[in-house]
Amino acid sequence: MDSWPEHIRATTTHSRGGDLSRSFTYSIDYVLIDPDAQRGPLLFSRNRFNLASVHDRSHGGPQGKGAGDAWARRVFAEAGLTDYDLRLLTQPRFLGYIFNPVSFWLAMKGDDLLAVIAEVSNPFGDRHSYLCHNPNFEPITPESTLCAEKNMHVSPYLEVSGDYSFNFNVLDNSILIKILLTQGNQTLFANLRGTRAPLTNRAILWAALRRPFGPLRTVALIYWQALLLKLRGATYRTRPAPPEKEITR
């Protein structure tokens, strides 16, 4: 039977350390979906216009030209993982508009998280993904720290250097994801913390009223925080060429 989509009513915190320290927290709405499922509340759709929706072309490849879950399954298969249930954790479109700084493909087996693809997008139209898993695909626990070299320009005030550390805690009723970027004495910490519940029309309407314009609001907040850093004297770095490979493994 198709899985019903879930609503992740969450907050995200970003903390910058170093010379220009800054921290902020915003509320945000994600959905957790089975990409093979088509069921859902009236105000949520897959691959068609609605108040809230998720489209395959938004994920699994270049922004706006993705292959959806077929891409994620190929990436996991190439890494040697074949026996799992696939889920996508992402911000939905709002009235057709979409921008996701980061989405996550989760490979689950029962209650165990076996692997994650962190799909990172920047406002310049680039996308790069990071494949995270333990040796031999041992279950990822909250104590597991999975590291990857940063390979894509994200913030115009940070160089394309350093390393990411990922931590994942996926429970029946909540999700907590932590990402730490370390560049010498400069750090940037981000997390996503939220509760899991079945997605309902009421939840979609409440999110639209409480956090209007969804992903468009996310973009506006990104530019607002960038302006605040610029006013504090942060050095702007022009966008370099995106990485040739699409995945850091």
C-alpha atoms as a PDB file:
ATOM      1  CA  MET A   1       0.000   0.000   0.000  1.00  0.00           C
ATOM      2  CA  ASP A   2       1.182   3.525  -0.764  1.00  0.00           C
ATOM      3  CA  SER A   3       2.699   5.419   2.161  1.00  0.00           C
ATOM      4  CA  TRP A   4       0.936   8.580   3.273  1.00  0.00           C
ATOM      5  CA  PRO A   5       3.197  11.689   3.128  1.00  0.00           C
ATOM      6  CA  GLU A   6       4.352  13.169   6.409  1.00  0.00           C
ATOM      7  CA  HIS A   7       4.604  16.779   7.548  1.00  0.00           C
ATOM      8  CA  ILE A   8       7.819  17.787   9.322  1.00  0.00           C
ATOM      9  CA  ARG A   9       7.058  20.955  11.258  1.00  0.00           C
ATOM     10  CA  ALA A  10      10.596  22.071  11.914  1.00  0.00           C
ATOM     11  CA  THR A  11      13.066  24.765  12.814  1.00  0.00           C
ATOM     12  CA  THR A  12      16.455  25.351  11.278  1.00  0.00           C
ATOM     13  CA  THR A  13      19.324  27.022  13.121  1.00  0.00           C
ATOM     14  CA  HIS A  14      22.438  28.447  11.478  1.00  0.00           C
ATOM     15  CA  SER A  15      25.429  29.496  13.583  1.00  0.00           C
ATOM     16  CA  ARG A  16      28.527  31.042  12.071  1.00  0.00           C
ATOM     17  CA  GLY A  17      31.747  31.050  14.088  1.00  0.00           C
ATOM     18  CA  GLY A  18      34.958  32.943  13.523  1.00  0.00           C
ATOM     19  CA  ASP A  19      35.545  36.624  12.819  1.00  0.00           C
ATOM     20  CA  LEU A  20      31.915  37.366  11.884  1.00  0.00           C
ATOM     21  CA  SER A  21      29.963  35.209  14.308  1.00  0.00           C
ATOM     22  CA  ARG A  22      26.196  35.153  13.864  1.00  0.00           C
ATOM     23  CA  SER A  23      23.293  32.863  14.715  1.00  0.00           C
ATOM     24  CA  PHE A  24      19.636  32.720  13.722  1.00  0.00           C
ATOM     25  CA  THR A  25      16.710  30.293  13.858  1.00  0.00           C
ATOM     26  CA  TYR A  26      13.712  30.115  11.539  1.00  0.00           C
ATOM     27  CA  SER A  27      10.669  27.870  11.342  1.00  0.00           C
ATOM     28  CA  ILE A  28      10.321  25.782   8.205  1.00  0.00           C
ATOM     29  CA  ASP A  29       8.101  23.058   6.736  1.00  0.00           C
ATOM     30  CA  TYR A  30       9.358  19.851   5.147  1.00  0.00           C
ATOM     31  CA  VAL A  31       7.580  16.778   3.872  1.00  0.00           C
ATOM     32  CA  LEU A  32       8.764  13.182   4.044  1.00  0.00           C
ATOM     33  CA  ILE A  33       7.448  11.146   1.129  1.00  0.00           C
ATOM     34  CA  ASP A  34       7.658   7.742  -0.450  1.00  0.00           C
ATOM     35  CA  PRO A  35       8.567   8.710  -4.047  1.00  0.00           C
ATOM     36  CA  ASP A  36       6.568   5.752  -5.378  1.00  0.00           C
ATOM     37  CA  ALA A  37       3.380   6.822  -3.586  1.00  0.00           C
ATOM     38  CA  GLN A  38       0.705   9.015  -5.085  1.00  0.00           C
ATOM     39  CA  ARG A  39      -1.724   9.344  -2.181  1.00  0.00           C
ATOM     40  CA  GLY A  40      -1.999  12.431  -0.033  1.00  0.00           C
ATOM     41  CA  PRO A  41      -4.369  15.159   1.145  1.00  0.00           C
ATOM     42  CA  LEU A  42      -6.346  17.192  -1.368  1.00  0.00           C
ATOM     43  CA  LEU A  43      -3.996  20.204  -1.166  1.00  0.00           C
ATOM     44  CA  PHE A  44      -0.833  18.152  -1.860  1.00  0.00           C
ATOM     45  CA  SER A  45       0.136  16.675  -5.226  1.00  0.00           C
ATOM     46  CA  ARG A  46       2.956  14.766  -6.874  1.00  0.00           C
ATOM     47  CA  ASN A  47       4.139  16.082 -10.237  1.00  0.00           C
ATOM     48  CA  ARG A  48       1.244  18.485 -10.737  1.00  0.00           C
ATOM     49  CA  PHE A  49       0.282  21.976  -9.576  1.00  0.00           C
ATOM     50  CA  ASN A  50      -1.265  22.419  -6.139  1.00  0.00           C
ATOM     51  CA  LEU A  51      -0.958  24.558  -3.036  1.00  0.00           C
ATOM     52  CA  ALA A  52       1.837  22.188  -1.965  1.00  0.00           C
ATOM     53  CA  SER A  53       3.536  19.686  -4.254  1.00  0.00           C
ATOM     54  CA  VAL A  54       6.702  17.702  -4.941  1.00  0.00           C
ATOM     55  CA  HIS A  55       7.898  17.209  -8.526  1.00  0.00           C
ATOM     56  CA  ASP A  56      10.414  14.614  -9.665  1.00  0.00           C
ATOM     57  CA  ARG A  57      12.237  17.127 -11.876  1.00  0.00           C
ATOM     58  CA  SER A  58      13.123  19.156  -8.775  1.00  0.00           C
ATOM     59  CA  HIS A  59      15.322  16.354  -7.399  1.00  0.00           C
ATOM     60  CA  GLY A  60      17.938  13.844  -8.476  1.00  0.00           C
ATOM     61  CA  GLY A  61      20.117  15.799 -10.862  1.00  0.00           C
ATOM     62  CA  PRO A  62      20.465  19.440 -11.983  1.00  0.00           C
ATOM     63  CA  GLN A  63      18.002  21.949 -10.544  1.00  0.00           C
ATOM     64  CA  GLY A  64      14.779  21.774 -12.555  1.00  0.00           C
ATOM     65  CA  LYS A  65      16.043  18.878 -14.683  1.00  0.00           C
ATOM     66  CA  GLY A  66      16.178  16.050 -12.186  1.00  0.00           C
ATOM     67  CA  ALA A  67      15.289  12.400 -12.656  1.00  0.00           C
ATOM     68  CA  GLY A  68      13.753  11.969  -9.205  1.00  0.00           C
ATOM     69  CA  ASP A  69      13.989   8.670  -7.385  1.00  0.00           C
ATOM     70  CA  ALA A  70      15.501   6.842 -10.397  1.00  0.00           C
ATOM     71  CA  TRP A  71      18.621   8.959  -9.893  1.00  0.00           C
ATOM     72  CA  ALA A  72      18.772   8.278  -6.145  1.00  0.00           C
ATOM     73  CA  ARG A  73      18.345   4.536  -6.658  1.00  0.00           C
ATOM     74  CA  ARG A  74      21.164   4.553  -9.218  1.00  0.00           C
ATOM     75  CA  VAL A  75      23.477   6.390  -6.818  1.00  0.00           C
ATOM     76  CA  PHE A  76      22.764   3.937  -4.002  1.00  0.00           C
ATOM     77  CA  ALA A  77      23.121   0.932  -6.336  1.00  0.00           C
ATOM     78  CA  GLU A  78      26.490   2.171  -7.618  1.00  0.00           C
ATOM     79  CA  ALA A  79      27.615   2.405  -3.983  1.00  0.00           C
ATOM     80  CA  GLY A  80      26.513  -1.195  -3.372  1.00  0.00           C
ATOM     81  CA  LEU A  81      23.190  -0.659  -1.578  1.00  0.00           C
ATOM     82  CA  THR A  82      20.124  -2.365  -3.044  1.00  0.00           C
ATOM     83  CA  ASP A  83      17.872  -3.578  -0.205  1.00  0.00           C
ATOM     84  CA  TYR A  84      16.116  -0.594   1.387  1.00  0.00           C
ATOM     85  CA  ASP A  85      13.028   1.615   1.353  1.00  0.00           C
ATOM     86  CA  LEU A  86      13.524   5.053  -0.201  1.00  0.00           C
ATOM     87  CA  ARG A  87      12.178   8.288   1.277  1.00  0.00           C
ATOM     88  CA  LEU A  88      12.639  11.929   0.267  1.00  0.00           C
ATOM     89  CA  LEU A  89      12.826  14.689   2.901  1.00  0.00           C
ATOM     90  CA  THR A  90      12.324  18.057   1.226  1.00  0.00           C
ATOM     91  CA  GLN A  91      10.562  21.393   1.234  1.00  0.00           C
ATOM     92  CA  PRO A  92       7.509  21.160  -1.032  1.00  0.00           C
ATOM     93  CA  ARG A  93       6.672  23.596  -3.785  1.00  0.00           C
ATOM     94  CA  PHE A  94       4.283  26.377  -2.785  1.00  0.00           C
ATOM     95  CA  LEU A  95       1.902  27.336  -5.611  1.00  0.00           C
ATOM     96  CA  GLY A  96       4.483  25.956  -8.029  1.00  0.00           C
ATOM     97  CA  TYR A  97       7.533  27.817  -6.656  1.00  0.00           C
ATOM     98  CA  ILE A  98      10.480  25.816  -5.372  1.00  0.00           C
ATOM     99  CA  PHE A  99      13.915  26.373  -3.883  1.00  0.00           C
ATOM    100  CA  ASN A 100      15.552  23.852  -1.569  1.00  0.00           C
ATOM    101  CA  PRO A 101      18.921  24.677  -0.009  1.00  0.00           C
ATOM    102  CA  VAL A 102      19.149  21.015   0.988  1.00  0.00           C
ATOM    103  CA  SER A 103      16.975  17.928   0.562  1.00  0.00           C
ATOM    104  CA  PHE A 104      17.729  14.403   1.745  1.00  0.00           C
ATOM    105  CA  TRP A 105      17.222  11.006   0.116  1.00  0.00           C
ATOM    106  CA  LEU A 106      16.958   8.477   2.971  1.00  0.00           C
ATOM    107  CA  ALA A 107      17.638   4.762   2.503  1.00  0.00           C
ATOM    108  CA  MET A 108      15.745   3.011   5.312  1.00  0.00           C
ATOM    109  CA  LYS A 109      15.420  -0.642   6.287  1.00  0.00           C
ATOM    110  CA  GLY A 110      12.835  -0.990   9.004  1.00  0.00           C
ATOM    111  CA  ASP A 111      13.778   1.535  11.671  1.00  0.00           C
ATOM    112  CA  ASP A 112      17.414   1.674  10.531  1.00  0.00           C
ATOM    113  CA  LEU A 113      18.861   4.471   8.418  1.00  0.00           C
ATOM    114  CA  LEU A 114      21.453   2.915   6.098  1.00  0.00           C
ATOM    115  CA  ALA A 115      22.513   5.811   3.855  1.00  0.00           C
ATOM    116  CA  VAL A 116      21.674   9.401   2.951  1.00  0.00           C
ATOM    117  CA  ILE A 117      22.162  11.563  -0.109  1.00  0.00           C
ATOM    118  CA  ALA A 118      22.308  15.220   0.935  1.00  0.00           C
ATOM    119  CA  GLU A 119      21.216  17.166  -2.147  1.00  0.00           C
ATOM    120  CA  VAL A 120      22.606  20.712  -1.808  1.00  0.00           C
ATOM    121  CA  SER A 121      21.457  23.574  -4.056  1.00  0.00           C
ATOM    122  CA  ASN A 122      22.644  27.169  -4.160  1.00  0.00           C
ATOM    123  CA  PRO A 123      20.798  30.311  -5.351  1.00  0.00           C
ATOM    124  CA  PHE A 124      23.027  30.435  -8.451  1.00  0.00           C
ATOM    125  CA  GLY A 125      21.419  27.372 -10.036  1.00  0.00           C
ATOM    126  CA  ASP A 126      24.114  24.855  -9.049  1.00  0.00           C
ATOM    127  CA  ARG A 127      23.595  21.548  -7.280  1.00  0.00           C
ATOM    128  CA  HIS A 128      25.951  19.024  -5.712  1.00  0.00           C
ATOM    129  CA  SER A 129      25.158  15.973  -3.603  1.00  0.00           C
ATOM    130  CA  TYR A 130      26.971  14.204  -0.778  1.00  0.00           C
ATOM    131  CA  LEU A 131      26.571  10.452  -0.235  1.00  0.00           C
ATOM    132  CA  CYS A 132      26.765   9.592   3.466  1.00  0.00           C
ATOM    133  CA  HIS A 133      27.002   6.092   4.954  1.00  0.00           C
ATOM    134  CA  ASN A 134      28.962   3.984   7.407  1.00  0.00           C
ATOM    135  CA  PRO A 135      31.353   1.237   6.232  1.00  0.00           C
ATOM    136  CA  ASN A 136      29.412  -1.746   4.872  1.00  0.00           C
ATOM    137  CA  PHE A 137      26.235   0.306   5.286  1.00  0.00           C
ATOM    138  CA  GLU A 138      26.033  -0.326   8.996  1.00  0.00           C
ATOM    139  CA  PRO A 139      23.044   1.567  10.457  1.00  0.00           C
ATOM    140  CA  ILE A 140      23.575   5.286  10.952  1.00  0.00           C
ATOM    141  CA  THR A 141      23.034   6.183  14.614  1.00  0.00           C
ATOM    142  CA  PRO A 142      22.951   9.622  16.288  1.00  0.00           C
ATOM    143  CA  GLU A 143      26.570   8.980  17.293  1.00  0.00           C
ATOM    144  CA  SER A 144      27.676   8.420  13.686  1.00  0.00           C
ATOM    145  CA  THR A 145      29.624  11.356  12.245  1.00  0.00           C
ATOM    146  CA  LEU A 146      29.875  11.144   8.468  1.00  0.00           C
ATOM    147  CA  CYS A 147      32.374  13.438   6.761  1.00  0.00           C
ATOM    148  CA  ALA A 148      32.752  14.781   3.242  1.00  0.00           C
ATOM    149  CA  GLU A 149      34.915  17.398   1.562  1.00  0.00           C
ATOM    150  CA  LYS A 150      33.036  20.560   0.583  1.00  0.00           C
ATOM    151  CA  ASN A 151      32.998  20.747  -3.219  1.00  0.00           C
ATOM    152  CA  MET A 152      30.407  23.380  -4.185  1.00  0.00           C
ATOM    153  CA  HIS A 153      30.046  27.125  -3.708  1.00  0.00           C
ATOM    154  CA  VAL A 154      27.092  27.779  -1.386  1.00  0.00           C
ATOM    155  CA  SER A 155      27.600  31.008   0.533  1.00  0.00           C
ATOM    156  CA  PRO A 156      29.270  33.952  -1.268  1.00  0.00           C
ATOM    157  CA  TYR A 157      31.103  34.675   1.999  1.00  0.00           C
ATOM    158  CA  LEU A 158      32.750  31.259   2.320  1.00  0.00           C
ATOM    159  CA  GLU A 159      35.394  29.594   0.176  1.00  0.00           C
ATOM    160  CA  VAL A 160      34.947  26.227  -1.523  1.00  0.00           C
ATOM    161  CA  SER A 161      37.145  24.442   0.981  1.00  0.00           C
ATOM    162  CA  GLY A 162      36.945  22.585   4.252  1.00  0.00           C
ATOM    163  CA  ASP A 163      34.928  19.591   5.345  1.00  0.00           C
ATOM    164  CA  TYR A 164      31.318  18.823   6.219  1.00  0.00           C
ATOM    165  CA  SER A 165      30.354  16.634   9.168  1.00  0.00           C
ATOM    166  CA  PHE A 166      26.858  15.134   9.053  1.00  0.00           C
ATOM    167  CA  ASN A 167      24.831  13.643  11.921  1.00  0.00           C
ATOM    168  CA  PHE A 168      21.403  12.058  11.448  1.00  0.00           C
ATOM    169  CA  ASN A 169      18.787  11.001  13.989  1.00  0.00           C
ATOM    170  CA  VAL A 170      15.625   9.692  12.301  1.00  0.00           C
ATOM    171  CA  LEU A 171      13.028   8.463  14.811  1.00  0.00           C
ATOM    172  CA  ASP A 172       9.386   7.431  14.475  1.00  0.00           C
ATOM    173  CA  ASN A 173       8.180  10.805  15.764  1.00  0.00           C
ATOM    174  CA  SER A 174      10.999  13.235  14.983  1.00  0.00           C
ATOM    175  CA  ILE A 175      13.973  14.049  12.776  1.00  0.00           C
ATOM    176  CA  LEU A 176      17.193  15.817  13.701  1.00  0.00           C
ATOM    177  CA  ILE A 177      19.926  16.498  11.134  1.00  0.00           C
ATOM    178  CA  LYS A 178      23.125  18.377  11.962  1.00  0.00           C
ATOM    179  CA  ILE A 179      25.674  19.708   9.461  1.00  0.00           C
ATOM    180  CA  LEU A 180      28.963  21.303  10.499  1.00  0.00           C
ATOM    181  CA  LEU A 181      31.308  22.967   7.996  1.00  0.00           C
ATOM    182  CA  THR A 182      34.873  23.527   9.208  1.00  0.00           C
ATOM    183  CA  GLN A 183      37.293  25.812   7.327  1.00  0.00           C
ATOM    184  CA  GLY A 184      40.333  26.389   9.512  1.00  0.00           C
ATOM    185  CA  ASN A 185      39.127  28.631  12.365  1.00  0.00           C
ATOM    186  CA  GLN A 186      35.884  29.378  10.506  1.00  0.00           C
ATOM    187  CA  THR A 187      32.828  27.191  11.204  1.00  0.00           C
ATOM    188  CA  LEU A 188      29.242  27.100  10.036  1.00  0.00           C
ATOM    189  CA  PHE A 189      26.731  24.919  11.864  1.00  0.00           C
ATOM    190  CA  ALA A 190      23.221  24.178  10.597  1.00  0.00           C
ATOM    191  CA  ASN A 191      20.533  21.847  11.811  1.00  0.00           C
ATOM    192  CA  LEU A 192      17.019  20.752  10.936  1.00  0.00           C
ATOM    193  CA  ARG A 193      14.869  19.685  13.888  1.00  0.00           C
ATOM    194  CA  GLY A 194      11.219  18.739  13.616  1.00  0.00           C
ATOM    195  CA  THR A 195       8.355  16.459  14.554  1.00  0.00           C
ATOM    196  CA  ARG A 196       6.753  13.915  12.229  1.00  0.00           C
ATOM    197  CA  ALA A 197       3.007  13.742  11.641  1.00  0.00           C
ATOM    198  CA  PRO A 198       0.703  12.698   8.794  1.00  0.00           C
ATOM    199  CA  LEU A 199       0.358  15.486   6.223  1.00  0.00           C
ATOM    200  CA  THR A 200      -3.141  17.007   6.296  1.00  0.00           C
ATOM    201  CA  ASN A 201      -4.971  19.787   4.486  1.00  0.00           C
ATOM    202  CA  ARG A 202      -5.156  21.658   7.781  1.00  0.00           C
ATOM    203  CA  ALA A 203      -1.379  21.420   8.238  1.00  0.00           C
ATOM    204  CA  ILE A 204      -0.789  22.715   4.702  1.00  0.00           C
ATOM    205  CA  LEU A 205      -3.156  25.652   5.196  1.00  0.00           C
ATOM    206  CA  TRP A 206      -1.684  26.470   8.604  1.00  0.00           C
ATOM    207  CA  ALA A 207       1.852  26.408   7.181  1.00  0.00           C
ATOM    208  CA  ALA A 208       0.754  28.691   4.328  1.00  0.00           C
ATOM    209  CA  LEU A 209      -0.665  31.192   6.834  1.00  0.00           C
ATOM    210  CA  ARG A 210       2.073  30.926   9.465  1.00  0.00           C
ATOM    211  CA  ARG A 211       4.982  30.819   6.992  1.00  0.00           C
ATOM    212  CA  PRO A 212       3.586  32.414   3.847  1.00  0.00           C
ATOM    213  CA  PHE A 213       5.068  31.739   0.409  1.00  0.00           C
ATOM    214  CA  GLY A 214       7.082  28.719   1.602  1.00  0.00           C
ATOM    215  CA  PRO A 215      10.294  28.385  -0.468  1.00  0.00           C
ATOM    216  CA  LEU A 216      10.049  32.013  -1.657  1.00  0.00           C
ATOM    217  CA  ARG A 217      10.270  33.021   2.002  1.00  0.00           C
ATOM    218  CA  THR A 218      13.373  30.821   2.308  1.00  0.00           C
ATOM    219  CA  VAL A 219      15.068  32.654  -0.568  1.00  0.00           C
ATOM    220  CA  ALA A 220      14.147  36.043   0.911  1.00  0.00           C
ATOM    221  CA  LEU A 221      15.634  35.057   4.285  1.00  0.00           C
ATOM    222  CA  ILE A 222      18.838  33.836   2.613  1.00  0.00           C
ATOM    223  CA  TYR A 223      19.320  37.188   0.895  1.00  0.00           C
ATOM    224  CA  TRP A 224      18.417  39.061   4.083  1.00  0.00           C
ATOM    225  CA  GLN A 225      21.083  37.225   6.083  1.00  0.00           C
ATOM    226  CA  ALA A 226      23.593  37.763   3.253  1.00  0.00           C
ATOM    227  CA  LEU A 227      22.881  41.501   3.350  1.00  0.00           C
ATOM    228  CA  LEU A 228      23.422  41.609   7.113  1.00  0.00           C
ATOM    229  CA  LEU A 229      26.792  39.896   6.725  1.00  0.00           C
ATOM    230  CA  LYS A 230      27.792  42.275   3.931  1.00  0.00           C
ATOM    231  CA  LEU A 231      26.926  45.261   6.112  1.00  0.00           C
ATOM    232  CA  ARG A 232      29.197  43.818   8.804  1.00  0.00           C
ATOM    233  CA  GLY A 233      32.106  43.747   6.349  1.00  0.00           C
ATOM    234  CA  ALA A 234      32.084  40.181   5.059  1.00  0.00           C
ATOM    235  CA  THR A 235      34.148  39.656   1.901  1.00  0.00           C
ATOM    236  CA  TYR A 236      32.047  38.714  -1.126  1.00  0.00           C
ATOM    237  CA  ARG A 237      33.437  35.882  -3.263  1.00  0.00           C
ATOM    238  CA  THR A 238      32.242  35.531  -6.840  1.00  0.00           C
ATOM    239  CA  ARG A 239      30.759  32.214  -7.884  1.00  0.00           C
ATOM    240  CA  PRO A 240      33.412  29.793  -9.165  1.00  0.00           C
ATOM    241  CA  ALA A 241      32.674  27.149 -11.761  1.00  0.00           C
ATOM    242  CA  PRO A 242      30.531  24.373 -10.280  1.00  0.00           C
ATOM    243  CA  PRO A 243      32.149  20.959  -9.716  1.00  0.00           C
ATOM    244  CA  GLU A 244      32.277  18.664 -12.728  1.00  0.00           C
ATOM    245  CA  LYS A 245      31.136  15.624 -10.759  1.00  0.00           C
ATOM    246  CA  GLU A 246      27.635  15.664  -9.308  1.00  0.00           C
ATOM    247  CA  ILE A 247      28.295  13.558  -6.202  1.00  0.00           C
ATOM    248  CA  THR A 248      30.925  13.494  -3.475  1.00  0.00           C
ATOM    249  CA  ARG A 249      31.073   9.927  -2.177  1.00  0.00           C
END
